[in-house]
């Protein structure tokens, strides 16, 4: 989870994108899979784009899990190898404190090198940038994946983000794909599962459950 509540030159309010946690959580919880929450700083995790008309979001907002989320564990104190999977949700917040964060990178390396699942949605794949699992090339190099597209960013927060996520992933050798703006798109490449945008979060959760089973 991100701890960043603002981003960019205009101090845009941000955090994690609510649906990108609520929707995967709903699928995982329904499948009886336990979820823990961690963030770089620990504690409070600001959120963005909460929609109370969405039953899954409203249920999560009112849940014990949401209260737990706001007492998130400090990521440096967590060993990702103790878990079956890690999920990096999006929102603009990750573009502040998840991208190129040493603790996030270490968690990804620990998960990947111990044969666990690594998943991310929307802006979450920014956390995959700069990751080195020890083979001398970027983690995303040659891997099929998706993330928030340049076309979507032009439609959403181009003035607020420090770089285009799609361009950065391609620059590290990712085999990037996307579909039309705001439409569901999930890519499964072995143990790496990525979703393009908020509309992809439920499907990402379903692919993660299938992989865990």
N, C-alpha and C. Protein backbone atom coordinates (compact mmCIF):
# COMPACT_ATOMS: atom_id res chain seq x y z
N UNK A 1 0.83 -1.19 0.00
CA UNK A 1 0.00 0.00 0.00
C UNK A 1 0.88 1.25 0.00
N UNK A 2 0.35 2.32 -0.60
CA UNK A 2 1.04 3.60 -0.57
C UNK A 2 0.71 4.36 0.71
N UNK A 3 1.63 5.22 1.14
CA UNK A 3 1.37 6.17 2.22
C UNK A 3 1.26 7.60 1.69
N UNK A 4 1.35 7.76 0.37
CA UNK A 4 1.38 9.11 -0.23
C UNK A 4 -0.03 9.66 -0.43
N UNK A 5 -0.29 10.83 0.14
CA UNK A 5 -1.61 11.45 0.06
C UNK A 5 -1.70 12.55 -0.98
N UNK A 6 -0.55 13.00 -1.49
CA UNK A 6 -0.54 14.04 -2.54
C UNK A 6 0.54 13.69 -3.56
N UNK A 7 0.35 14.21 -4.78
CA UNK A 7 1.32 13.97 -5.84
C UNK A 7 1.42 15.20 -6.74
N UNK A 8 2.61 15.44 -7.26
CA UNK A 8 2.80 16.36 -8.38
C UNK A 8 2.87 17.82 -8.04
N UNK A 9 3.11 18.63 -9.09
CA UNK A 9 3.33 20.06 -8.91
C UNK A 9 2.10 20.83 -8.43
N UNK A 10 0.91 20.20 -8.58
CA UNK A 10 -0.33 20.89 -8.16
C UNK A 10 -0.90 20.29 -6.88
N UNK A 11 -0.09 19.45 -6.20
CA UNK A 11 -0.51 18.83 -4.94
C UNK A 11 -1.87 18.15 -5.04
N UNK A 12 -2.01 17.35 -6.09
CA UNK A 12 -3.25 16.60 -6.29
C UNK A 12 -3.45 15.59 -5.16
N UNK A 13 -4.65 15.56 -4.61
CA UNK A 13 -4.98 14.59 -3.56
C UNK A 13 -4.95 13.19 -4.17
N UNK A 14 -4.33 12.25 -3.46
CA UNK A 14 -4.25 10.89 -3.98
C UNK A 14 -4.17 9.89 -2.84
N UNK A 15 -3.66 8.72 -3.16
CA UNK A 15 -3.58 7.59 -2.25
C UNK A 15 -3.68 6.33 -3.09
N UNK A 16 -4.21 5.24 -2.52
CA UNK A 16 -4.50 4.08 -3.34
C UNK A 16 -5.88 4.25 -3.96
N UNK A 17 -6.09 3.68 -5.15
CA UNK A 17 -7.38 3.76 -5.83
C UNK A 17 -8.28 2.71 -5.19
N UNK A 18 -9.38 3.15 -4.57
CA UNK A 18 -10.13 2.30 -3.66
C UNK A 18 -10.57 0.97 -4.27
N UNK A 19 -11.07 1.01 -5.49
CA UNK A 19 -11.56 -0.22 -6.13
C UNK A 19 -10.45 -1.24 -6.34
N UNK A 20 -9.22 -0.76 -6.48
CA UNK A 20 -8.10 -1.67 -6.78
C UNK A 20 -7.61 -2.43 -5.55
N UNK A 21 -8.15 -2.08 -4.39
CA UNK A 21 -7.95 -2.89 -3.19
C UNK A 21 -9.24 -3.63 -2.85
N UNK A 22 -10.36 -2.91 -2.88
CA UNK A 22 -11.64 -3.50 -2.48
C UNK A 22 -12.03 -4.68 -3.37
N UNK A 23 -11.84 -4.55 -4.67
CA UNK A 23 -12.28 -5.61 -5.58
C UNK A 23 -11.43 -6.87 -5.47
N UNK A 24 -10.10 -6.80 -5.52
CA UNK A 24 -9.33 -8.02 -5.29
C UNK A 24 -9.56 -8.59 -3.89
N UNK A 25 -9.68 -7.71 -2.88
CA UNK A 25 -9.92 -8.21 -1.53
C UNK A 25 -11.22 -9.00 -1.48
N UNK A 26 -12.27 -8.49 -2.12
CA UNK A 26 -13.56 -9.16 -2.14
C UNK A 26 -13.43 -10.58 -2.70
N UNK A 27 -12.69 -10.72 -3.79
CA UNK A 27 -12.50 -12.03 -4.43
C UNK A 27 -11.66 -12.95 -3.54
N UNK A 28 -10.57 -12.41 -3.00
CA UNK A 28 -9.68 -13.21 -2.14
C UNK A 28 -10.40 -13.64 -0.86
N UNK A 29 -11.14 -12.72 -0.25
CA UNK A 29 -11.83 -13.02 0.99
C UNK A 29 -12.91 -14.09 0.76
N UNK A 30 -13.62 -13.96 -0.35
CA UNK A 30 -14.65 -14.94 -0.70
C UNK A 30 -14.05 -16.34 -0.86
N UNK A 31 -12.81 -16.39 -1.32
CA UNK A 31 -12.11 -17.66 -1.54
C UNK A 31 -11.44 -18.18 -0.27
N UNK A 32 -11.58 -17.43 0.83
CA UNK A 32 -11.00 -17.87 2.10
C UNK A 32 -9.51 -17.64 2.20
N UNK A 33 -8.99 -16.69 1.42
CA UNK A 33 -7.55 -16.41 1.42
C UNK A 33 -7.27 -15.21 2.32
N UNK A 34 -6.39 -15.40 3.28
CA UNK A 34 -6.06 -14.34 4.23
C UNK A 34 -5.21 -13.26 3.57
N UNK A 35 -5.47 -12.02 3.93
CA UNK A 35 -4.76 -10.88 3.36
C UNK A 35 -4.17 -10.04 4.48
N UNK A 36 -2.92 -9.66 4.35
CA UNK A 36 -2.31 -8.68 5.24
C UNK A 36 -1.92 -7.45 4.43
N UNK A 37 -1.79 -6.32 5.13
CA UNK A 37 -1.48 -5.06 4.46
C UNK A 37 -0.16 -4.50 4.99
N UNK A 38 0.68 -4.05 4.05
CA UNK A 38 1.94 -3.41 4.42
C UNK A 38 2.13 -2.16 3.58
N UNK A 39 2.92 -1.24 4.09
CA UNK A 39 3.22 0.00 3.36
C UNK A 39 4.62 0.45 3.74
N UNK A 40 5.24 1.31 2.92
CA UNK A 40 6.61 1.72 3.23
C UNK A 40 6.79 2.31 4.63
N UNK A 41 5.85 3.15 5.04
CA UNK A 41 5.98 3.81 6.34
C UNK A 41 5.23 3.08 7.45
N UNK A 42 4.34 2.14 7.07
CA UNK A 42 3.46 1.52 8.05
C UNK A 42 2.32 2.47 8.41
N UNK A 43 1.31 1.93 9.09
CA UNK A 43 0.22 2.79 9.56
C UNK A 43 -0.76 3.19 8.48
N UNK A 44 -1.14 4.46 8.50
CA UNK A 44 -2.24 4.99 7.67
C UNK A 44 -1.95 4.90 6.19
N UNK A 45 -2.99 4.53 5.42
CA UNK A 45 -2.87 4.44 3.96
C UNK A 45 -3.99 5.27 3.33
N UNK A 46 -3.67 6.46 2.81
CA UNK A 46 -4.70 7.32 2.22
C UNK A 46 -5.30 6.69 0.97
N UNK A 47 -6.56 7.03 0.70
CA UNK A 47 -7.22 6.44 -0.47
C UNK A 47 -7.87 7.52 -1.33
N UNK A 48 -8.20 7.11 -2.55
CA UNK A 48 -8.77 8.01 -3.55
C UNK A 48 -9.92 7.26 -4.25
N UNK A 49 -10.89 8.03 -4.74
CA UNK A 49 -11.93 7.51 -5.64
C UNK A 49 -12.84 6.46 -4.99
N UNK A 50 -13.14 6.64 -3.71
CA UNK A 50 -14.10 5.75 -3.06
C UNK A 50 -15.49 5.98 -3.63
N UNK A 51 -16.17 4.89 -3.99
CA UNK A 51 -17.52 4.96 -4.56
C UNK A 51 -18.46 4.11 -3.71
N UNK A 52 -19.26 4.75 -2.86
CA UNK A 52 -20.11 3.99 -1.95
C UNK A 52 -21.27 3.31 -2.67
N UNK A 53 -21.52 3.66 -3.93
CA UNK A 53 -22.58 2.98 -4.68
C UNK A 53 -22.14 1.61 -5.18
N UNK A 54 -20.85 1.31 -5.06
CA UNK A 54 -20.30 0.00 -5.44
C UNK A 54 -20.34 -0.89 -4.20
N UNK A 55 -21.14 -1.97 -4.22
CA UNK A 55 -21.30 -2.80 -3.03
C UNK A 55 -19.98 -3.35 -2.48
N UNK A 56 -19.06 -3.73 -3.36
CA UNK A 56 -17.78 -4.29 -2.89
C UNK A 56 -16.96 -3.22 -2.18
N UNK A 57 -16.97 -2.00 -2.71
CA UNK A 57 -16.23 -0.91 -2.07
C UNK A 57 -16.86 -0.55 -0.72
N UNK A 58 -18.19 -0.47 -0.69
CA UNK A 58 -18.88 -0.11 0.56
C UNK A 58 -18.63 -1.18 1.63
N UNK A 59 -18.69 -2.45 1.23
CA UNK A 59 -18.46 -3.54 2.18
C UNK A 59 -17.04 -3.49 2.73
N UNK A 60 -16.07 -3.20 1.85
CA UNK A 60 -14.69 -3.13 2.31
C UNK A 60 -14.48 -1.94 3.24
N UNK A 61 -15.07 -0.81 2.88
CA UNK A 61 -14.93 0.41 3.68
C UNK A 61 -15.46 0.19 5.11
N UNK A 62 -16.48 -0.65 5.24
CA UNK A 62 -17.11 -0.88 6.54
C UNK A 62 -16.55 -2.12 7.26
N UNK A 63 -15.52 -2.73 6.69
CA UNK A 63 -15.02 -4.01 7.20
C UNK A 63 -13.92 -3.84 8.25
N UNK A 64 -13.70 -4.92 9.01
CA UNK A 64 -12.56 -4.97 9.91
C UNK A 64 -11.26 -4.91 9.13
N UNK A 65 -11.27 -5.49 7.92
CA UNK A 65 -10.06 -5.48 7.09
C UNK A 65 -9.62 -4.06 6.78
N UNK A 66 -10.59 -3.16 6.53
CA UNK A 66 -10.23 -1.76 6.24
C UNK A 66 -9.60 -1.10 7.46
N UNK A 67 -10.10 -1.42 8.65
CA UNK A 67 -9.49 -0.86 9.86
C UNK A 67 -8.06 -1.41 10.03
N UNK A 68 -7.88 -2.68 9.67
CA UNK A 68 -6.54 -3.28 9.72
C UNK A 68 -5.61 -2.60 8.73
N UNK A 69 -6.15 -2.31 7.55
CA UNK A 69 -5.35 -1.67 6.51
C UNK A 69 -4.75 -0.36 7.02
N UNK A 70 -5.51 0.36 7.81
CA UNK A 70 -5.02 1.64 8.31
C UNK A 70 -4.09 1.52 9.51
N UNK A 71 -3.78 0.27 9.87
CA UNK A 71 -2.68 -0.02 10.78
C UNK A 71 -1.71 -0.94 10.06
N UNK A 72 -1.45 -0.60 8.80
CA UNK A 72 -0.62 -1.47 7.95
C UNK A 72 0.76 -1.70 8.55
N UNK A 73 1.31 -2.86 8.27
CA UNK A 73 2.65 -3.19 8.76
C UNK A 73 3.70 -2.42 7.97
N UNK A 74 4.79 -2.11 8.62
CA UNK A 74 5.91 -1.45 7.93
C UNK A 74 6.58 -2.49 7.03
N UNK A 75 6.69 -2.17 5.76
CA UNK A 75 7.15 -3.16 4.78
C UNK A 75 8.53 -3.73 5.10
N UNK A 76 9.42 -2.90 5.64
CA UNK A 76 10.77 -3.36 5.95
C UNK A 76 10.78 -4.47 7.01
N UNK A 77 9.68 -4.56 7.79
CA UNK A 77 9.60 -5.57 8.84
C UNK A 77 8.92 -6.86 8.35
N UNK A 78 8.54 -6.89 7.07
CA UNK A 78 7.81 -8.02 6.49
C UNK A 78 8.74 -8.79 5.56
N UNK A 79 8.71 -10.12 5.64
CA UNK A 79 9.45 -10.95 4.69
C UNK A 79 8.45 -11.50 3.68
N UNK A 80 8.53 -11.02 2.44
CA UNK A 80 7.57 -11.44 1.41
C UNK A 80 7.61 -12.95 1.16
N UNK A 81 8.72 -13.58 1.50
CA UNK A 81 8.83 -15.03 1.31
C UNK A 81 7.92 -15.81 2.26
N UNK A 82 7.38 -15.14 3.28
CA UNK A 82 6.45 -15.78 4.21
C UNK A 82 5.04 -15.88 3.64
N UNK A 83 4.81 -15.26 2.48
CA UNK A 83 3.47 -15.19 1.89
C UNK A 83 3.46 -15.92 0.55
N UNK A 84 2.25 -16.23 0.08
CA UNK A 84 2.12 -16.93 -1.20
C UNK A 84 2.14 -15.98 -2.39
N UNK A 85 1.81 -14.72 -2.14
CA UNK A 85 1.72 -13.74 -3.23
C UNK A 85 1.84 -12.34 -2.66
N UNK A 86 2.26 -11.42 -3.51
CA UNK A 86 2.16 -10.01 -3.16
C UNK A 86 1.39 -9.29 -4.26
N UNK A 87 0.66 -8.26 -3.87
CA UNK A 87 -0.15 -7.47 -4.80
C UNK A 87 0.15 -5.99 -4.58
N UNK A 88 0.52 -5.31 -5.65
CA UNK A 88 0.76 -3.86 -5.60
C UNK A 88 -0.43 -3.16 -6.25
N UNK A 89 -1.35 -2.59 -5.44
CA UNK A 89 -2.47 -1.87 -6.03
C UNK A 89 -2.04 -0.51 -6.55
N UNK A 90 -2.90 0.08 -7.38
CA UNK A 90 -2.57 1.35 -8.00
C UNK A 90 -3.16 2.55 -7.30
N UNK A 91 -3.55 3.52 -8.10
CA UNK A 91 -3.77 4.88 -7.63
C UNK A 91 -2.52 5.66 -7.97
N UNK A 92 -2.57 6.97 -7.79
CA UNK A 92 -1.39 7.78 -8.10
C UNK A 92 -0.36 7.74 -6.97
N UNK A 93 -0.79 7.42 -5.76
CA UNK A 93 0.13 7.36 -4.63
C UNK A 93 1.38 6.53 -4.88
N UNK A 94 1.24 5.33 -5.49
CA UNK A 94 2.43 4.51 -5.74
C UNK A 94 3.50 5.20 -6.59
N UNK A 95 3.08 6.16 -7.43
CA UNK A 95 4.06 6.88 -8.25
C UNK A 95 4.91 7.83 -7.40
N UNK A 96 4.54 7.98 -6.13
CA UNK A 96 5.33 8.79 -5.20
C UNK A 96 6.26 7.92 -4.36
N UNK A 97 5.70 6.88 -3.71
CA UNK A 97 6.52 6.18 -2.70
C UNK A 97 6.67 4.67 -2.93
N UNK A 98 6.03 4.11 -3.94
CA UNK A 98 6.20 2.68 -4.24
C UNK A 98 7.24 2.49 -5.34
N UNK A 99 7.21 3.38 -6.34
CA UNK A 99 8.14 3.25 -7.46
C UNK A 99 9.59 3.45 -6.99
N UNK A 100 10.44 2.53 -7.41
CA UNK A 100 11.88 2.58 -7.10
C UNK A 100 12.16 2.70 -5.60
N UNK A 101 11.28 2.12 -4.80
CA UNK A 101 11.46 2.09 -3.35
C UNK A 101 12.23 0.82 -2.99
N UNK A 102 13.31 0.98 -2.24
CA UNK A 102 14.20 -0.15 -1.96
C UNK A 102 13.49 -1.28 -1.22
N UNK A 103 12.59 -0.95 -0.29
CA UNK A 103 11.88 -1.98 0.46
C UNK A 103 10.90 -2.73 -0.45
N UNK A 104 10.24 -2.00 -1.34
CA UNK A 104 9.33 -2.64 -2.30
C UNK A 104 10.11 -3.56 -3.22
N UNK A 105 11.24 -3.07 -3.73
CA UNK A 105 12.07 -3.88 -4.62
C UNK A 105 12.55 -5.14 -3.91
N UNK A 106 12.95 -5.00 -2.66
CA UNK A 106 13.42 -6.16 -1.90
C UNK A 106 12.28 -7.18 -1.73
N UNK A 107 11.07 -6.69 -1.47
CA UNK A 107 9.91 -7.58 -1.31
C UNK A 107 9.64 -8.36 -2.60
N UNK A 108 9.74 -7.67 -3.73
CA UNK A 108 9.51 -8.34 -5.01
C UNK A 108 10.59 -9.40 -5.26
N UNK A 109 11.83 -9.05 -4.99
CA UNK A 109 12.92 -10.01 -5.17
C UNK A 109 12.72 -11.23 -4.27
N UNK A 110 12.36 -10.99 -3.01
CA UNK A 110 12.14 -12.10 -2.08
C UNK A 110 11.00 -13.00 -2.56
N UNK A 111 9.90 -12.39 -2.99
CA UNK A 111 8.76 -13.17 -3.46
C UNK A 111 9.13 -13.97 -4.71
N UNK A 112 9.77 -13.30 -5.66
CA UNK A 112 10.05 -13.95 -6.94
C UNK A 112 11.07 -15.08 -6.80
N UNK A 113 12.11 -14.83 -6.02
CA UNK A 113 13.19 -15.82 -5.93
C UNK A 113 12.83 -16.98 -5.00
N UNK A 114 11.68 -16.88 -4.31
CA UNK A 114 11.19 -18.01 -3.51
C UNK A 114 9.93 -18.61 -4.14
N UNK A 115 9.78 -18.36 -5.44
CA UNK A 115 8.71 -18.98 -6.25
C UNK A 115 7.30 -18.60 -5.83
N UNK A 116 7.14 -17.36 -5.41
CA UNK A 116 5.82 -16.86 -5.06
C UNK A 116 5.25 -16.05 -6.24
N UNK A 117 3.98 -15.65 -6.11
CA UNK A 117 3.32 -14.86 -7.15
C UNK A 117 3.56 -13.37 -6.92
N UNK A 118 3.78 -12.64 -8.01
CA UNK A 118 3.92 -11.19 -7.96
C UNK A 118 2.82 -10.60 -8.83
N UNK A 119 1.96 -9.76 -8.24
CA UNK A 119 0.83 -9.19 -8.97
C UNK A 119 0.76 -7.69 -8.74
N UNK A 120 0.23 -6.98 -9.73
CA UNK A 120 0.12 -5.52 -9.64
C UNK A 120 -0.97 -5.05 -10.60
N UNK A 121 -1.60 -3.92 -10.25
CA UNK A 121 -2.68 -3.40 -11.09
C UNK A 121 -2.55 -1.89 -11.24
N UNK A 122 -2.89 -1.41 -12.44
CA UNK A 122 -2.97 0.02 -12.77
C UNK A 122 -1.61 0.72 -12.65
N UNK A 123 -1.42 1.62 -11.68
CA UNK A 123 -0.10 2.22 -11.47
C UNK A 123 0.80 1.36 -10.58
N UNK A 124 0.25 0.28 -10.02
CA UNK A 124 1.04 -0.60 -9.16
C UNK A 124 2.30 -1.14 -9.81
N UNK A 125 2.26 -1.47 -11.13
CA UNK A 125 3.48 -1.99 -11.76
C UNK A 125 4.67 -1.03 -11.74
N UNK A 126 4.46 0.23 -11.32
CA UNK A 126 5.61 1.13 -11.16
C UNK A 126 6.59 0.56 -10.14
N UNK A 127 6.08 -0.28 -9.22
CA UNK A 127 6.94 -0.90 -8.22
C UNK A 127 7.85 -1.96 -8.79
N UNK A 128 7.57 -2.40 -10.02
CA UNK A 128 8.41 -3.41 -10.67
C UNK A 128 9.62 -2.78 -11.36
N UNK A 129 9.61 -1.47 -11.50
CA UNK A 129 10.71 -0.78 -12.19
C UNK A 129 11.99 -0.82 -11.35
N UNK A 130 13.10 -1.05 -12.01
CA UNK A 130 14.39 -1.03 -11.32
C UNK A 130 14.67 -2.25 -10.47
N UNK A 131 13.80 -3.24 -10.51
CA UNK A 131 14.00 -4.44 -9.70
C UNK A 131 15.05 -5.34 -10.36
N UNK A 132 15.97 -5.85 -9.56
CA UNK A 132 17.04 -6.72 -10.04
C UNK A 132 16.99 -8.02 -9.24
N UNK A 133 16.63 -9.13 -9.90
CA UNK A 133 16.57 -10.41 -9.20
C UNK A 133 17.88 -11.19 -9.32
N UNK A 134 18.91 -10.52 -9.84
CA UNK A 134 20.25 -11.11 -9.84
C UNK A 134 20.71 -11.72 -11.14
N UNK A 135 19.89 -11.54 -12.20
CA UNK A 135 20.30 -12.12 -13.49
C UNK A 135 20.87 -11.09 -14.45
N UNK A 136 21.11 -9.87 -13.92
CA UNK A 136 21.78 -8.85 -14.72
C UNK A 136 20.90 -8.07 -15.66
N UNK A 137 19.58 -8.29 -15.63
CA UNK A 137 18.68 -7.50 -16.48
C UNK A 137 17.47 -7.07 -15.67
N UNK A 138 16.75 -6.04 -16.12
CA UNK A 138 15.58 -5.59 -15.35
C UNK A 138 14.57 -6.71 -15.17
N UNK A 139 13.92 -6.73 -14.04
CA UNK A 139 12.92 -7.76 -13.73
C UNK A 139 11.87 -7.89 -14.83
N UNK A 140 11.41 -6.75 -15.37
CA UNK A 140 10.31 -6.79 -16.35
C UNK A 140 10.78 -7.16 -17.75
N UNK A 141 12.10 -7.22 -17.96
CA UNK A 141 12.64 -7.48 -19.30
C UNK A 141 12.11 -8.80 -19.87
N UNK A 142 11.47 -8.72 -21.03
CA UNK A 142 10.96 -9.91 -21.69
C UNK A 142 9.68 -10.48 -21.12
N UNK A 143 9.15 -9.86 -20.06
CA UNK A 143 7.92 -10.37 -19.45
C UNK A 143 6.70 -9.68 -20.05
N UNK A 144 5.66 -10.46 -20.28
CA UNK A 144 4.40 -9.91 -20.77
C UNK A 144 3.65 -9.30 -19.58
N UNK A 145 3.24 -8.07 -19.74
CA UNK A 145 2.53 -7.39 -18.64
C UNK A 145 1.70 -6.24 -19.16
N UNK A 146 0.94 -5.66 -18.26
CA UNK A 146 0.19 -4.45 -18.56
C UNK A 146 0.27 -3.52 -17.36
N UNK A 147 -0.35 -2.38 -17.49
CA UNK A 147 -0.38 -1.36 -16.44
C UNK A 147 -1.14 -0.17 -17.03
N UNK A 148 -1.31 0.87 -16.25
CA UNK A 148 -2.06 2.03 -16.73
C UNK A 148 -1.41 2.57 -18.00
N UNK A 149 -2.21 2.68 -19.07
CA UNK A 149 -1.64 3.02 -20.38
C UNK A 149 -1.39 4.52 -20.52
N UNK A 150 -0.55 4.84 -21.49
CA UNK A 150 -0.27 6.25 -21.78
C UNK A 150 -1.54 6.97 -22.22
N UNK A 151 -2.36 6.28 -23.02
CA UNK A 151 -3.62 6.88 -23.46
C UNK A 151 -4.53 7.18 -22.27
N UNK A 152 -4.56 6.29 -21.30
CA UNK A 152 -5.37 6.52 -20.10
C UNK A 152 -4.80 7.66 -19.27
N UNK A 153 -3.48 7.72 -19.16
CA UNK A 153 -2.86 8.78 -18.36
C UNK A 153 -3.13 10.15 -18.96
N UNK A 154 -3.13 10.23 -20.29
CA UNK A 154 -3.43 11.50 -20.95
C UNK A 154 -4.85 11.94 -20.62
N UNK A 155 -5.70 10.95 -20.30
CA UNK A 155 -7.11 11.18 -20.02
C UNK A 155 -7.34 11.45 -18.53
N UNK A 156 -6.28 11.30 -17.71
CA UNK A 156 -6.49 11.24 -16.26
C UNK A 156 -5.57 12.14 -15.44
N UNK A 157 -4.26 11.93 -15.54
CA UNK A 157 -3.36 12.63 -14.60
C UNK A 157 -2.01 12.96 -15.23
N UNK A 158 -2.01 13.26 -16.51
CA UNK A 158 -0.73 13.50 -17.20
C UNK A 158 0.09 14.61 -16.55
N UNK A 159 -0.60 15.62 -16.04
CA UNK A 159 0.10 16.78 -15.46
C UNK A 159 0.67 16.46 -14.07
N UNK A 160 0.22 15.39 -13.48
CA UNK A 160 0.54 15.11 -12.08
C UNK A 160 1.63 14.05 -11.88
N UNK A 161 1.81 13.17 -12.87
CA UNK A 161 2.76 12.06 -12.69
C UNK A 161 4.15 12.44 -13.16
N UNK A 162 5.20 11.86 -12.54
CA UNK A 162 6.57 12.22 -12.90
C UNK A 162 7.03 11.64 -14.23
N UNK A 163 6.35 10.59 -14.71
CA UNK A 163 6.71 9.97 -15.99
C UNK A 163 5.54 9.09 -16.43
N UNK A 164 5.59 8.65 -17.68
CA UNK A 164 4.56 7.75 -18.20
C UNK A 164 4.95 6.32 -17.84
N UNK A 165 4.07 5.63 -17.10
CA UNK A 165 4.36 4.28 -16.66
C UNK A 165 4.57 3.34 -17.84
N UNK A 166 3.72 3.42 -18.85
CA UNK A 166 3.86 2.55 -20.03
C UNK A 166 5.24 2.71 -20.67
N UNK A 167 5.68 3.95 -20.84
CA UNK A 167 7.00 4.19 -21.44
C UNK A 167 8.12 3.62 -20.59
N UNK A 168 8.00 3.79 -19.27
CA UNK A 168 9.05 3.31 -18.36
C UNK A 168 9.15 1.79 -18.37
N UNK A 169 8.00 1.11 -18.42
CA UNK A 169 8.00 -0.35 -18.48
C UNK A 169 8.61 -0.83 -19.79
N UNK A 170 8.22 -0.20 -20.89
CA UNK A 170 8.79 -0.56 -22.21
C UNK A 170 10.30 -0.33 -22.23
N UNK A 171 10.75 0.77 -21.59
CA UNK A 171 12.17 1.11 -21.61
C UNK A 171 13.01 0.06 -20.90
N UNK A 172 12.41 -0.67 -19.94
CA UNK A 172 13.14 -1.74 -19.25
C UNK A 172 12.93 -3.09 -19.93
N UNK A 173 12.31 -3.07 -21.12
CA UNK A 173 12.20 -4.29 -21.90
C UNK A 173 10.94 -5.10 -21.71
N UNK A 174 9.94 -4.54 -21.02
CA UNK A 174 8.69 -5.26 -20.83
C UNK A 174 7.96 -5.43 -22.15
N UNK A 175 7.28 -6.55 -22.31
CA UNK A 175 6.40 -6.78 -23.46
C UNK A 175 5.02 -6.29 -23.03
N UNK A 176 4.81 -5.00 -23.22
CA UNK A 176 3.63 -4.32 -22.69
C UNK A 176 2.46 -4.42 -23.66
N UNK A 177 1.26 -4.62 -23.11
CA UNK A 177 0.04 -4.58 -23.94
C UNK A 177 -1.06 -3.85 -23.18
N UNK A 178 -2.01 -3.30 -23.94
CA UNK A 178 -3.15 -2.61 -23.32
C UNK A 178 -4.34 -2.72 -24.26
N UNK A 179 -5.52 -2.40 -23.72
CA UNK A 179 -6.74 -2.34 -24.52
C UNK A 179 -7.29 -0.92 -24.41
N UNK A 180 -8.51 -0.72 -24.90
CA UNK A 180 -9.12 0.61 -24.88
C UNK A 180 -9.18 1.15 -23.45
N UNK A 181 -9.17 2.48 -23.35
CA UNK A 181 -9.17 3.14 -22.05
C UNK A 181 -10.27 2.62 -21.13
N UNK A 182 -9.88 2.29 -19.90
CA UNK A 182 -10.81 1.95 -18.81
C UNK A 182 -11.55 0.63 -19.04
N UNK A 183 -11.07 -0.20 -19.98
CA UNK A 183 -11.65 -1.52 -20.19
C UNK A 183 -10.80 -2.57 -19.48
N UNK A 184 -11.39 -3.69 -19.05
CA UNK A 184 -10.62 -4.70 -18.32
C UNK A 184 -9.57 -5.37 -19.20
N UNK A 185 -8.39 -5.56 -18.62
CA UNK A 185 -7.30 -6.26 -19.32
C UNK A 185 -6.33 -6.79 -18.27
N UNK A 186 -6.18 -8.10 -18.23
CA UNK A 186 -5.27 -8.75 -17.29
C UNK A 186 -4.32 -9.64 -18.08
N UNK A 187 -3.04 -9.60 -17.74
CA UNK A 187 -2.03 -10.41 -18.41
C UNK A 187 -1.41 -11.35 -17.37
N UNK A 188 -1.42 -12.64 -17.71
CA UNK A 188 -0.78 -13.64 -16.85
C UNK A 188 0.45 -14.16 -17.58
N UNK A 189 1.62 -13.97 -17.00
CA UNK A 189 2.87 -14.49 -17.56
C UNK A 189 3.56 -15.29 -16.46
N UNK A 190 3.21 -16.56 -16.39
CA UNK A 190 3.75 -17.39 -15.32
C UNK A 190 3.30 -16.89 -13.96
N UNK A 191 4.25 -16.58 -13.10
CA UNK A 191 3.94 -16.12 -11.74
C UNK A 191 3.72 -14.61 -11.65
N UNK A 192 3.79 -13.92 -12.79
CA UNK A 192 3.54 -12.48 -12.83
C UNK A 192 2.15 -12.23 -13.41
N UNK A 193 1.31 -11.55 -12.62
CA UNK A 193 -0.06 -11.23 -13.04
C UNK A 193 -0.27 -9.73 -12.91
N UNK A 194 -0.68 -9.08 -14.01
CA UNK A 194 -0.86 -7.63 -13.98
C UNK A 194 -2.19 -7.24 -14.60
N UNK A 195 -2.76 -6.13 -14.08
CA UNK A 195 -4.01 -5.58 -14.60
C UNK A 195 -3.80 -4.15 -15.05
N UNK A 196 -4.54 -3.75 -16.07
CA UNK A 196 -4.29 -2.44 -16.70
C UNK A 196 -4.81 -1.26 -15.89
N UNK A 197 -5.96 -1.41 -15.24
CA UNK A 197 -6.68 -0.24 -14.72
C UNK A 197 -7.69 -0.68 -13.66
N UNK A 198 -8.45 0.25 -13.07
CA UNK A 198 -9.41 -0.14 -12.04
C UNK A 198 -10.40 -1.22 -12.50
N UNK A 199 -10.82 -1.15 -13.77
CA UNK A 199 -11.78 -2.12 -14.28
C UNK A 199 -11.22 -3.54 -14.32
N UNK A 200 -9.91 -3.67 -14.19
CA UNK A 200 -9.24 -4.97 -14.25
C UNK A 200 -9.06 -5.61 -12.89
N UNK A 201 -9.41 -4.90 -11.82
CA UNK A 201 -9.04 -5.34 -10.47
C UNK A 201 -9.76 -6.63 -10.05
N UNK A 202 -11.03 -6.77 -10.40
CA UNK A 202 -11.75 -8.00 -10.04
C UNK A 202 -11.16 -9.19 -10.78
N UNK A 203 -10.94 -9.03 -12.08
CA UNK A 203 -10.37 -10.13 -12.87
C UNK A 203 -8.97 -10.50 -12.37
N UNK A 204 -8.20 -9.49 -11.99
CA UNK A 204 -6.88 -9.75 -11.42
C UNK A 204 -7.01 -10.62 -10.16
N UNK A 205 -7.98 -10.27 -9.31
CA UNK A 205 -8.21 -11.06 -8.11
C UNK A 205 -8.57 -12.50 -8.44
N UNK A 206 -9.39 -12.69 -9.48
CA UNK A 206 -9.79 -14.05 -9.87
C UNK A 206 -8.60 -14.84 -10.41
N UNK A 207 -7.74 -14.19 -11.18
CA UNK A 207 -6.55 -14.87 -11.70
C UNK A 207 -5.60 -15.22 -10.55
N UNK A 208 -5.53 -14.34 -9.57
CA UNK A 208 -4.67 -14.61 -8.42
C UNK A 208 -5.19 -15.80 -7.61
N UNK A 209 -6.49 -15.84 -7.39
CA UNK A 209 -7.10 -16.97 -6.68
C UNK A 209 -6.84 -18.28 -7.44
N UNK A 210 -7.04 -18.24 -8.76
CA UNK A 210 -6.81 -19.45 -9.57
C UNK A 210 -5.37 -19.92 -9.46
N UNK A 211 -4.45 -18.97 -9.48
CA UNK A 211 -3.03 -19.32 -9.38
C UNK A 211 -2.68 -19.88 -8.00
N UNK A 212 -3.28 -19.31 -6.96
CA UNK A 212 -3.04 -19.78 -5.60
C UNK A 212 -3.59 -21.20 -5.40
N UNK A 213 -4.71 -21.48 -6.06
CA UNK A 213 -5.30 -22.79 -5.91
C UNK A 213 -4.53 -23.86 -6.70
